[in-house]
Amino acid sequence: MAQHYRCSICGGDFPATATQVDHDPPVVGPEGFTSWDDYIERMFCGKEGLQAVCVDCHKIKTKQEKEQRKCELKSK
């Protein structure tokens, strides 16, 4: 039997092939790239900084984070 995971965003149950691991908080925050030390610390976080999400929710979340960074950079 295939292993299923619950999406942390929509709450749906999906097979492993339809889920991805997402960093929460994101590796590059709304302020944009700050330093390699911050990047590495966020990238190699513990399991408490990771969440399982479905492919569709991950695409939407990633797009929103990119738009947020664009807005943040324009306001500077």
N, C-alpha and C. Protein backbone atom coordinates (compact mmCIF):
# COMPACT_ATOMS: atom_id res chain seq x y z
N MET A 1 0.85 -1.19 0.00
CA MET A 1 0.00 0.00 0.00
C MET A 1 0.89 1.24 0.00
N ALA A 2 0.54 2.21 -0.81
CA ALA A 2 1.33 3.44 -0.92
C ALA A 2 1.21 4.28 0.34
N GLN A 3 2.30 4.95 0.69
CA GLN A 3 2.28 5.83 1.85
C GLN A 3 1.70 7.17 1.43
N HIS A 4 0.83 7.72 2.25
CA HIS A 4 0.20 9.00 1.97
C HIS A 4 0.60 10.03 3.02
N TYR A 5 0.60 11.28 2.60
CA TYR A 5 0.95 12.38 3.49
C TYR A 5 -0.14 13.43 3.44
N ARG A 6 -0.35 14.12 4.54
CA ARG A 6 -1.35 15.19 4.61
C ARG A 6 -0.66 16.51 4.31
N CYS A 7 -1.23 17.25 3.36
CA CYS A 7 -0.70 18.57 2.99
C CYS A 7 -0.92 19.53 4.16
N SER A 8 0.13 20.22 4.56
CA SER A 8 0.06 21.17 5.67
C SER A 8 -0.74 22.42 5.32
N ILE A 9 -1.00 22.63 4.04
CA ILE A 9 -1.71 23.84 3.62
C ILE A 9 -3.19 23.55 3.38
N CYS A 10 -3.50 22.60 2.50
CA CYS A 10 -4.91 22.34 2.17
C CYS A 10 -5.54 21.23 3.00
N GLY A 11 -4.70 20.41 3.65
CA GLY A 11 -5.21 19.33 4.49
C GLY A 11 -5.57 18.05 3.76
N GLY A 12 -5.35 18.02 2.44
CA GLY A 12 -5.66 16.82 1.67
C GLY A 12 -4.62 15.73 1.88
N ASP A 13 -5.02 14.49 1.62
CA ASP A 13 -4.11 13.35 1.71
C ASP A 13 -3.62 12.99 0.31
N PHE A 14 -2.30 12.85 0.15
CA PHE A 14 -1.69 12.62 -1.16
C PHE A 14 -0.64 11.52 -1.07
N PRO A 15 -0.46 10.75 -2.16
CA PRO A 15 0.62 9.76 -2.17
C PRO A 15 1.97 10.48 -2.17
N ALA A 16 3.00 9.79 -1.78
CA ALA A 16 4.33 10.38 -1.67
C ALA A 16 4.78 11.03 -2.98
N THR A 17 4.37 10.47 -4.11
CA THR A 17 4.79 11.01 -5.40
C THR A 17 4.13 12.35 -5.72
N ALA A 18 3.09 12.72 -4.98
CA ALA A 18 2.38 13.97 -5.22
C ALA A 18 2.62 14.98 -4.10
N THR A 19 3.64 14.73 -3.28
CA THR A 19 3.97 15.66 -2.19
C THR A 19 5.41 16.12 -2.30
N GLN A 20 5.68 17.27 -1.71
CA GLN A 20 7.02 17.83 -1.68
C GLN A 20 7.29 18.35 -0.27
N VAL A 21 8.56 18.52 0.04
CA VAL A 21 8.94 19.07 1.34
C VAL A 21 9.18 20.56 1.16
N ASP A 22 8.58 21.35 2.03
CA ASP A 22 8.67 22.80 1.95
C ASP A 22 9.30 23.33 3.23
N HIS A 23 10.16 24.34 3.07
CA HIS A 23 10.74 25.02 4.24
C HIS A 23 9.76 26.05 4.77
N ASP A 24 9.54 26.04 6.06
CA ASP A 24 8.69 27.03 6.70
C ASP A 24 9.35 27.47 8.00
N PRO A 25 9.96 28.62 8.05
CA PRO A 25 9.93 29.72 7.09
C PRO A 25 10.77 29.42 5.86
N PRO A 26 10.52 30.18 4.77
CA PRO A 26 11.25 29.93 3.52
C PRO A 26 12.75 30.17 3.66
N VAL A 27 13.53 29.51 2.83
CA VAL A 27 14.99 29.66 2.87
C VAL A 27 15.39 31.11 2.59
N VAL A 28 14.75 31.72 1.60
CA VAL A 28 14.97 33.14 1.30
C VAL A 28 13.67 33.85 1.67
N GLY A 29 13.72 34.67 2.70
CA GLY A 29 12.53 35.33 3.20
C GLY A 29 12.13 36.53 2.35
N PRO A 30 11.10 37.25 2.80
CA PRO A 30 10.61 38.40 2.04
C PRO A 30 11.64 39.52 1.88
N GLU A 31 12.62 39.54 2.76
CA GLU A 31 13.68 40.55 2.67
C GLU A 31 14.71 40.24 1.59
N GLY A 32 14.59 39.05 0.98
CA GLY A 32 15.54 38.63 -0.04
C GLY A 32 16.76 37.97 0.59
N PHE A 33 17.76 37.71 -0.23
CA PHE A 33 19.00 37.07 0.24
C PHE A 33 19.71 38.02 1.20
N THR A 34 20.05 37.51 2.38
CA THR A 34 20.74 38.34 3.38
C THR A 34 22.20 37.96 3.51
N SER A 35 22.48 36.68 3.69
CA SER A 35 23.86 36.22 3.80
C SER A 35 23.90 34.71 3.59
N TRP A 36 25.08 34.21 3.28
CA TRP A 36 25.24 32.77 3.13
C TRP A 36 24.99 32.04 4.44
N ASP A 37 25.37 32.66 5.56
CA ASP A 37 25.14 32.03 6.86
C ASP A 37 23.65 31.82 7.11
N ASP A 38 22.83 32.85 6.84
CA ASP A 38 21.38 32.73 7.00
C ASP A 38 20.81 31.67 6.05
N TYR A 39 21.27 31.71 4.81
CA TYR A 39 20.79 30.76 3.80
C TYR A 39 21.07 29.32 4.23
N ILE A 40 22.29 29.04 4.64
CA ILE A 40 22.68 27.67 5.04
C ILE A 40 21.92 27.25 6.29
N GLU A 41 21.77 28.16 7.26
CA GLU A 41 21.04 27.83 8.48
C GLU A 41 19.58 27.48 8.17
N ARG A 42 18.95 28.23 7.28
CA ARG A 42 17.56 27.96 6.92
C ARG A 42 17.43 26.71 6.05
N MET A 43 18.39 26.49 5.17
CA MET A 43 18.33 25.34 4.27
C MET A 43 18.47 24.02 5.04
N PHE A 44 19.39 23.99 5.98
CA PHE A 44 19.67 22.76 6.73
C PHE A 44 19.07 22.85 8.12
N CYS A 45 17.77 23.09 8.17
CA CYS A 45 17.06 23.22 9.44
C CYS A 45 16.66 21.84 9.97
N GLY A 46 16.14 21.83 11.15
CA GLY A 46 15.60 20.60 11.72
C GLY A 46 14.23 20.31 11.14
N LYS A 47 13.67 19.17 11.53
CA LYS A 47 12.38 18.78 10.97
C LYS A 47 11.26 19.75 11.33
N GLU A 48 11.44 20.53 12.40
CA GLU A 48 10.42 21.50 12.78
C GLU A 48 10.31 22.65 11.76
N GLY A 49 11.31 22.81 10.91
CA GLY A 49 11.29 23.84 9.88
C GLY A 49 10.86 23.33 8.52
N LEU A 50 10.33 22.11 8.48
CA LEU A 50 9.91 21.50 7.22
C LEU A 50 8.45 21.08 7.31
N GLN A 51 7.78 21.07 6.16
CA GLN A 51 6.40 20.62 6.13
C GLN A 51 6.14 19.89 4.81
N ALA A 52 5.26 18.91 4.86
CA ALA A 52 4.85 18.19 3.66
C ALA A 52 3.69 18.95 3.03
N VAL A 53 3.80 19.24 1.74
CA VAL A 53 2.74 19.93 1.02
C VAL A 53 2.50 19.24 -0.32
N CYS A 54 1.29 19.37 -0.83
CA CYS A 54 1.01 18.80 -2.14
C CYS A 54 1.67 19.68 -3.20
N VAL A 55 1.86 19.13 -4.38
CA VAL A 55 2.55 19.84 -5.47
C VAL A 55 1.85 21.15 -5.80
N ASP A 56 0.52 21.13 -5.90
CA ASP A 56 -0.21 22.34 -6.26
C ASP A 56 -0.05 23.44 -5.21
N CYS A 57 -0.19 23.09 -3.93
CA CYS A 57 -0.02 24.09 -2.87
C CYS A 57 1.40 24.63 -2.84
N HIS A 58 2.38 23.76 -3.11
CA HIS A 58 3.78 24.20 -3.10
C HIS A 58 4.02 25.22 -4.21
N LYS A 59 3.46 24.98 -5.39
CA LYS A 59 3.60 25.93 -6.50
C LYS A 59 3.00 27.28 -6.13
N ILE A 60 1.82 27.26 -5.55
CA ILE A 60 1.13 28.50 -5.17
C ILE A 60 1.92 29.24 -4.09
N LYS A 61 2.39 28.52 -3.07
CA LYS A 61 3.14 29.13 -1.97
C LYS A 61 4.44 29.74 -2.48
N THR A 62 5.14 29.03 -3.34
CA THR A 62 6.39 29.52 -3.90
C THR A 62 6.17 30.78 -4.72
N LYS A 63 5.11 30.78 -5.53
CA LYS A 63 4.78 31.96 -6.34
C LYS A 63 4.46 33.16 -5.44
N GLN A 64 3.71 32.94 -4.38
CA GLN A 64 3.37 34.02 -3.44
C GLN A 64 4.62 34.57 -2.76
N GLU A 65 5.53 33.69 -2.38
CA GLU A 65 6.77 34.13 -1.73
C GLU A 65 7.62 34.96 -2.69
N LYS A 66 7.69 34.56 -3.96
CA LYS A 66 8.44 35.33 -4.95
C LYS A 66 7.83 36.72 -5.15
N GLU A 67 6.51 36.78 -5.23
CA GLU A 67 5.82 38.06 -5.39
C GLU A 67 6.05 38.96 -4.18
N GLN A 68 6.03 38.36 -3.00
CA GLN A 68 6.27 39.12 -1.76
C GLN A 68 7.68 39.71 -1.77
N ARG A 69 8.66 38.92 -2.22
CA ARG A 69 10.04 39.43 -2.30
C ARG A 69 10.14 40.58 -3.30
N LYS A 70 9.46 40.44 -4.45
CA LYS A 70 9.48 41.51 -5.46
C LYS A 70 8.93 42.80 -4.88
N CYS A 71 7.79 42.71 -4.19
CA CYS A 71 7.17 43.89 -3.58
C CYS A 71 8.08 44.50 -2.52
N GLU A 72 8.70 43.66 -1.73
CA GLU A 72 9.61 44.14 -0.68
C GLU A 72 10.81 44.87 -1.29
N LEU A 73 11.36 44.32 -2.35
CA LEU A 73 12.52 44.95 -3.01
C LEU A 73 12.14 46.26 -3.69
N LYS A 74 10.93 46.33 -4.26
CA LYS A 74 10.48 47.57 -4.90
C LYS A 74 10.27 48.68 -3.89
N SER A 75 9.87 48.32 -2.67
CA SER A 75 9.58 49.34 -1.65
C SER A 75 10.85 49.91 -1.01
N LYS A 76 12.00 49.32 -1.32
CA LYS A 76 13.26 49.80 -0.73
C LYS A 76 13.86 50.90 -1.57
